[in-house]
Protein backbone atom coordinates (compact mmCIF):
# COMPACT_ATOMS: atom_id res chain seq x y z
CA UNK A 1 14.43 -18.51 8.29
CA UNK A 2 11.03 -16.88 8.25
CA UNK A 3 11.60 -15.08 11.47
CA UNK A 4 14.90 -13.57 10.42
CA UNK A 5 15.17 -9.81 10.06
CA UNK A 6 17.83 -8.12 8.01
CA UNK A 7 17.67 -4.80 9.92
CA UNK A 8 18.46 -4.79 13.60
CA UNK A 9 16.22 -2.62 15.95
CA UNK A 10 18.95 0.01 16.55
CA UNK A 11 19.44 0.52 12.82
CA UNK A 12 15.69 0.94 12.23
CA UNK A 13 15.58 3.40 15.17
CA UNK A 14 18.44 5.38 13.66
CA UNK A 15 16.70 5.60 10.28
CA UNK A 16 13.45 6.82 11.89
CA UNK A 17 15.41 9.37 13.89
CA UNK A 18 16.84 10.99 10.75
CA UNK A 19 13.44 11.10 8.99
CA UNK A 20 12.65 14.72 10.01
CA UNK A 21 16.05 15.75 8.68
CA UNK A 22 15.45 13.86 5.47
CA UNK A 23 12.10 15.40 4.93
CA UNK A 24 13.39 19.02 5.38
CA UNK A 25 16.59 18.57 3.41
CA UNK A 26 16.58 20.73 0.26
CA UNK A 27 20.26 20.97 -0.64
CA UNK A 28 22.86 18.29 -1.30
CA UNK A 29 26.12 19.11 0.50
CA UNK A 30 27.84 16.30 -1.31
CA UNK A 31 26.64 17.11 -4.76
CA UNK A 32 29.80 18.88 -6.02
CA UNK A 33 32.24 16.37 -4.65
CA UNK A 34 30.30 13.23 -5.44
CA UNK A 35 30.28 13.22 -9.18
CA UNK A 36 32.11 14.76 -12.11
CA UNK A 37 30.27 17.50 -13.80
CA UNK A 38 28.38 16.21 -16.81
CA UNK A 39 25.94 18.38 -18.68
CA UNK A 40 22.96 16.66 -20.29
CA UNK A 41 23.82 18.14 -23.64
CA UNK A 42 27.31 16.74 -23.41
CA UNK A 43 26.13 13.11 -23.76
CA UNK A 44 25.93 11.90 -27.28
CA UNK A 45 23.42 9.35 -28.56
CA UNK A 46 25.96 6.50 -28.30
CA UNK A 47 26.42 7.27 -24.57
CA UNK A 48 29.87 8.85 -24.89
CA UNK A 49 30.36 11.72 -22.58
CA UNK A 50 31.96 14.84 -24.02
CA UNK A 51 32.08 16.58 -20.68
CA UNK A 52 35.47 15.13 -19.64
CA UNK A 53 34.43 11.85 -18.04
CA UNK A 54 36.29 8.67 -18.91
CA UNK A 55 34.70 5.81 -20.85
CA UNK A 56 31.04 5.83 -21.80
CA UNK A 57 27.90 6.01 -19.72
CA UNK A 58 26.57 2.97 -21.53
CA UNK A 59 29.63 0.95 -20.51
CA UNK A 60 29.29 2.24 -16.91
CA UNK A 61 25.63 1.58 -16.39
CA UNK A 62 24.44 -0.68 -19.20
CA UNK A 63 22.11 1.98 -20.56
CA UNK A 64 22.11 5.65 -21.49
CA UNK A 65 21.09 7.57 -18.34
CA UNK A 66 20.21 10.61 -20.32
CA UNK A 67 17.57 8.64 -22.25
CA UNK A 68 16.51 6.64 -19.19
CA UNK A 69 15.85 9.69 -17.02
CA UNK A 70 14.32 11.63 -19.80
CA UNK A 71 11.39 9.35 -20.50
CA UNK A 72 9.58 8.92 -23.76
CA UNK A 73 8.22 12.07 -25.41
CA UNK A 74 4.50 12.33 -25.04
CA UNK A 75 4.36 9.52 -22.41
CA UNK A 76 2.37 10.61 -19.35
CA UNK A 77 3.33 8.45 -16.38
CA UNK A 78 1.57 10.83 -14.01
CA UNK A 79 -1.69 9.01 -14.81
CA UNK A 80 -0.14 5.96 -13.00
CA UNK A 81 0.63 7.98 -9.89
CA UNK A 82 -2.67 8.72 -8.14
CA UNK A 83 -1.00 8.77 -4.72
CA UNK A 84 1.56 11.41 -5.61
CA UNK A 85 1.18 13.36 -2.35
CA UNK A 86 1.99 10.32 -0.27
CA UNK A 87 4.73 9.19 -2.58
CA UNK A 88 6.41 12.60 -2.56
CA UNK A 89 6.47 12.52 1.26
CA UNK A 90 8.13 9.12 1.27
CA UNK A 91 10.48 10.21 -1.51
CA UNK A 92 11.52 13.21 0.57
CA UNK A 93 12.37 10.95 3.51
CA UNK A 94 14.28 8.54 1.30
CA UNK A 95 16.16 11.41 -0.44
CA UNK A 96 17.25 12.74 2.94
CA UNK A 97 18.39 9.35 4.15
CA UNK A 98 20.31 8.94 0.90
CA UNK A 99 21.80 12.45 1.01
CA UNK A 100 23.12 12.21 4.60
CA UNK A 101 23.84 8.44 4.99
CA UNK A 102 24.03 6.37 1.81
CA UNK A 103 25.47 8.87 -0.67
CA UNK A 104 28.41 9.86 1.50
CA UNK A 105 29.23 6.24 2.08
CA UNK A 106 29.03 5.58 -1.65
CA UNK A 107 31.22 8.54 -2.43
CA UNK A 108 33.90 7.38 0.05
CA UNK A 109 33.73 3.84 -1.32
CA UNK A 110 34.12 5.15 -4.87
CA UNK A 111 37.12 7.30 -3.89
CA UNK A 112 39.10 4.83 -1.92
CA UNK A 113 38.30 1.57 -3.70
CA UNK A 114 40.32 0.77 -6.89
CA UNK A 115 38.19 0.40 -9.93
CA UNK A 116 39.17 -3.25 -10.57
CA UNK A 117 37.94 -4.06 -7.03
CA UNK A 118 34.66 -2.19 -7.58
CA UNK A 119 34.23 -4.20 -10.83
CA UNK A 120 34.91 -7.46 -8.93
CA UNK A 121 32.40 -6.59 -6.17
CA UNK A 122 29.82 -5.70 -8.78
CA UNK A 123 30.39 -8.96 -10.63
CA UNK A 124 30.16 -10.92 -7.39
CA UNK A 125 26.66 -9.57 -6.51
CA UNK A 126 25.54 -9.78 -10.11
CA UNK A 127 26.51 -13.46 -10.15
CA UNK A 128 24.39 -14.06 -7.04
CA UNK A 129 21.49 -12.43 -8.86
CA UNK A 130 21.59 -15.09 -11.53
CA UNK A 131 19.79 -17.38 -9.08
CA UNK A 132 16.79 -14.98 -9.07
CA UNK A 133 17.10 -14.56 -12.78
CA UNK A 134 17.04 -18.29 -13.44
CA UNK A 135 14.08 -18.88 -11.05
CA UNK A 136 11.98 -16.21 -12.72
CA UNK A 137 13.09 -17.13 -16.21
CA UNK A 138 11.73 -20.65 -15.68
CA UNK A 139 8.42 -19.35 -14.22
CA UNK A 140 8.07 -17.14 -17.29
CA UNK A 141 8.85 -20.00 -19.71
CA UNK A 142 11.97 -18.22 -20.99
CA UNK A 143 13.96 -21.44 -21.33
CA UNK A 144 16.74 -20.01 -23.42
CA UNK A 145 17.32 -17.11 -21.03
CA UNK A 146 17.14 -19.39 -17.99
CA UNK A 147 19.73 -21.71 -19.51
CA UNK A 148 21.98 -18.80 -20.31
CA UNK A 149 21.67 -17.60 -16.67
CA UNK A 150 22.40 -21.02 -15.24
CA UNK A 151 25.48 -21.33 -17.46
CA UNK A 152 26.65 -17.91 -16.32
CA UNK A 153 26.11 -18.82 -12.65
CA UNK A 154 28.07 -22.14 -12.92
CA UNK A 155 30.94 -20.77 -14.96
CA UNK A 156 31.44 -17.52 -13.03
CA UNK A 157 31.03 -19.25 -9.63
CA UNK A 158 33.76 -21.78 -10.51
CA UNK A 159 36.15 -20.47 -13.12
CA UNK A 160 35.33 -16.84 -12.32
CA UNK A 161 36.28 -17.33 -8.60
CA UNK A 162 32.96 -16.96 -6.86
CA UNK A 163 31.79 -14.51 -9.49
CA UNK A 164 34.52 -11.92 -9.15
CA UNK A 165 35.30 -12.28 -12.80
CA UNK A 166 32.71 -12.43 -15.58
CA UNK A 167 34.34 -15.32 -17.50
CA UNK A 168 31.00 -16.43 -18.96
CA UNK A 169 30.74 -13.22 -21.00
CA UNK A 170 33.88 -14.14 -22.89
CA UNK A 171 32.42 -17.57 -23.56
CA UNK A 172 29.39 -16.15 -25.36
CA UNK A 173 27.01 -16.06 -22.37
CA UNK A 174 25.99 -12.46 -22.20
CA UNK A 175 24.46 -11.01 -19.13
CA UNK A 176 20.70 -10.37 -19.45
CA UNK A 177 18.69 -7.40 -18.23
CA UNK A 178 17.60 -9.38 -15.18
CA UNK A 179 14.37 -11.05 -14.12
CA UNK A 180 12.44 -10.63 -10.92
CA UNK A 181 9.11 -11.87 -9.55
CA UNK A 182 7.45 -8.55 -10.35
CA UNK A 183 8.19 -9.21 -14.05
CA UNK A 184 6.95 -12.76 -13.63
CA UNK A 185 3.63 -11.48 -12.24
CA UNK A 186 3.37 -9.13 -15.19
CA UNK A 187 3.92 -11.99 -17.66
CA UNK A 188 1.20 -13.88 -15.82
CA UNK A 189 -1.23 -11.07 -16.48
CA UNK A 190 -1.23 -9.29 -13.07
CA UNK A 191 -1.78 -5.56 -13.69
CA UNK A 192 0.84 -3.03 -12.49
CA UNK A 193 -1.44 -0.99 -10.28
CA UNK A 194 -0.49 2.49 -9.07
CA UNK A 195 3.09 3.74 -8.63
CA UNK A 196 4.26 3.46 -5.02
CA UNK A 197 7.37 4.78 -3.22
CA UNK A 198 8.45 2.54 -0.28
CA UNK A 199 10.33 3.78 2.77
CA UNK A 200 14.08 3.00 2.22
CA UNK A 201 13.34 0.60 -0.62
CA UNK A 202 12.40 3.32 -3.12
CA UNK A 203 10.25 3.18 -6.31
CA UNK A 204 7.84 0.35 -6.80
CA UNK A 205 4.24 -0.46 -7.84
CA UNK A 206 1.39 -2.24 -6.16
CA UNK A 207 2.24 -5.35 -8.14
CA UNK A 208 6.00 -5.20 -7.51
CA UNK A 209 5.79 -4.53 -3.79
CA UNK A 210 4.70 -8.04 -2.62
CA UNK A 211 6.92 -9.59 -5.33
CA UNK A 212 9.93 -8.21 -3.40
CA UNK A 213 9.21 -10.79 -0.71
CA UNK A 214 9.73 -13.59 -3.16
CA UNK A 215 12.90 -11.95 -4.48
CA UNK A 216 14.16 -11.74 -0.95
CA UNK A 217 13.86 -15.52 -0.50
CA UNK A 218 15.52 -16.26 -3.88
CA UNK A 219 18.52 -14.13 -2.97
CA UNK A 220 21.37 -16.43 -1.72
CA UNK A 221 22.41 -13.81 0.86
CA UNK A 222 19.17 -14.54 2.76
CA UNK A 223 20.57 -17.94 3.66
CA UNK A 224 23.90 -16.79 5.16
CA UNK A 225 23.62 -18.03 8.71
CA UNK A 226 26.29 -15.71 10.24
CA UNK A 227 24.47 -12.46 10.91
CA UNK A 228 27.43 -10.04 10.81
CA UNK A 229 28.55 -11.56 7.51
CA UNK A 230 25.09 -11.29 6.05
CA UNK A 231 24.73 -7.64 7.15
CA UNK A 232 28.14 -6.76 5.82
CA UNK A 233 27.39 -8.38 2.41
CA UNK A 234 24.05 -6.63 2.11
CA UNK A 235 25.52 -3.32 3.09
CA UNK A 236 28.33 -3.70 0.56
CA UNK A 237 25.83 -4.63 -2.16
CA UNK A 238 23.79 -1.48 -1.40
CA UNK A 239 26.82 0.80 -1.31
CA UNK A 240 28.25 -0.63 -4.48
CA UNK A 241 24.94 -0.20 -6.25
CA UNK A 242 24.58 3.36 -5.10
CA UNK A 243 28.20 4.18 -6.04
CA UNK A 244 27.52 2.92 -9.60
CA UNK A 245 24.84 5.64 -9.97
CA UNK A 246 26.92 8.65 -8.86
CA UNK A 247 27.86 9.63 -12.37
CA UNK A 248 24.39 9.12 -13.83
CA UNK A 249 22.90 11.25 -11.07
CA UNK A 250 24.61 14.34 -12.45
CA UNK A 251 22.18 14.14 -15.42
CA UNK A 252 19.14 14.76 -13.19
CA UNK A 253 17.83 18.20 -13.82
CA UNK A 254 14.52 19.65 -12.54
CA UNK A 255 11.93 17.73 -10.49
CA UNK A 256 13.85 14.70 -9.20
CA UNK A 257 10.71 12.91 -8.12
CA UNK A 258 9.09 13.09 -11.55
CA UNK A 259 12.36 12.14 -13.38
CA UNK A 260 13.00 9.14 -11.21
CA UNK A 261 9.36 8.05 -11.32
CA UNK A 262 9.16 8.17 -15.11
CA UNK A 263 12.56 6.50 -15.44
CA UNK A 264 11.46 3.66 -13.11
CA UNK A 265 8.15 3.05 -14.82
CA UNK A 266 9.72 3.29 -18.29
CA UNK A 267 12.48 0.84 -17.28
CA UNK A 268 9.97 -1.61 -15.80
CA UNK A 269 7.83 -1.56 -18.95
CA UNK A 270 11.00 -2.20 -21.00
CA UNK A 271 12.09 -5.16 -18.84
CA UNK A 272 8.61 -6.84 -18.81
CA UNK A 273 8.57 -7.03 -22.63
CA UNK A 274 12.33 -7.68 -22.87
CA UNK A 275 12.69 -4.51 -24.97
CA UNK A 276 10.59 -6.04 -27.77
CA UNK A 277 8.50 -3.69 -29.93
CA UNK A 278 5.33 -4.69 -31.66
CA UNK A 279 6.63 -4.30 -35.18
CA UNK A 280 3.25 -4.87 -36.80
CA UNK A 281 1.61 -2.15 -34.80
CA UNK A 282 4.34 0.35 -35.55
CA UNK A 283 4.30 -0.64 -39.19
CA UNK A 284 0.55 -0.10 -39.37
CA UNK A 285 0.85 3.25 -37.59
CA UNK A 286 3.57 4.38 -40.03
CA UNK A 287 1.48 3.25 -43.01
CA UNK A 288 -1.47 5.14 -41.65
CA UNK A 289 0.59 8.31 -41.28
CA UNK A 290 1.97 7.89 -44.83
CA UNK A 291 -1.55 7.33 -46.15
CA UNK A 292 -2.73 10.45 -44.40
CA UNK A 293 0.06 12.53 -45.87
CA UNK A 294 -0.74 11.17 -49.33
CA UNK A 295 -4.43 12.06 -48.97
CA UNK A 296 -3.57 15.48 -47.61
CA UNK A 297 -1.27 16.24 -50.50
CA UNK A 298 -3.87 15.15 -52.98
CA UNK A 299 -6.21 17.93 -51.85
CA UNK A 300 -3.96 20.57 -53.46
């Protein structure tokens, strides 16, 4: 329903009450207990951690956090952040809310919930996300990807027991990187606009911010009529998502605002083009470099 609100008044009041604490917080009392110690240099290119953690970071998150948070060399995302002062203030509030509310909940969840249950919860919400993926895939004209997402939704919802098990993956229907309405607007030619940090919602852009409204109404959780059930499901989704980032968080070194901003913008650019690189442009650039080197060597 259009008049429905996901956050009750008392919850909003509580979040506003902790905003001064969040803005002044400078240390993370949960940092040592939350995640295993992983040094950035201990992560190899294939995502395998040599710092004592189990499995690989690529398997855990679907990408290499060291590369994601590091950004591309020579890429200056600060030019896309003209409102940095405002964004840093909102980031400070969000960081405090995360430090004293969301992160402790995620740490407890990670510690007391068996890994197979965490995987099932993650699969469940990922399966719900296939509705949004399919909707935006169709709007972008990505018929193959949309068909893949529909197949995953149908198979995992039925055979996979409401999405708790990713059966579709074993049937050749691999999970995509995800589609949202912000990406759809980008495909339609809408410019990104400046970087923007939203209270509680986190990183965004001027283009992606209104797109979140469309994503809200393509999320099946929006249509759960029983309010306590809907709130519980949304809270579980948020905590599960935050818990999945605890290990990657240990790779953040230096200015967290800049690292997360650059990682977000880099990731968005990657998703919009589906990771495709203009081969012709890169080839021309490489040939130009080679030609320059040949001409330079001929001067001697």
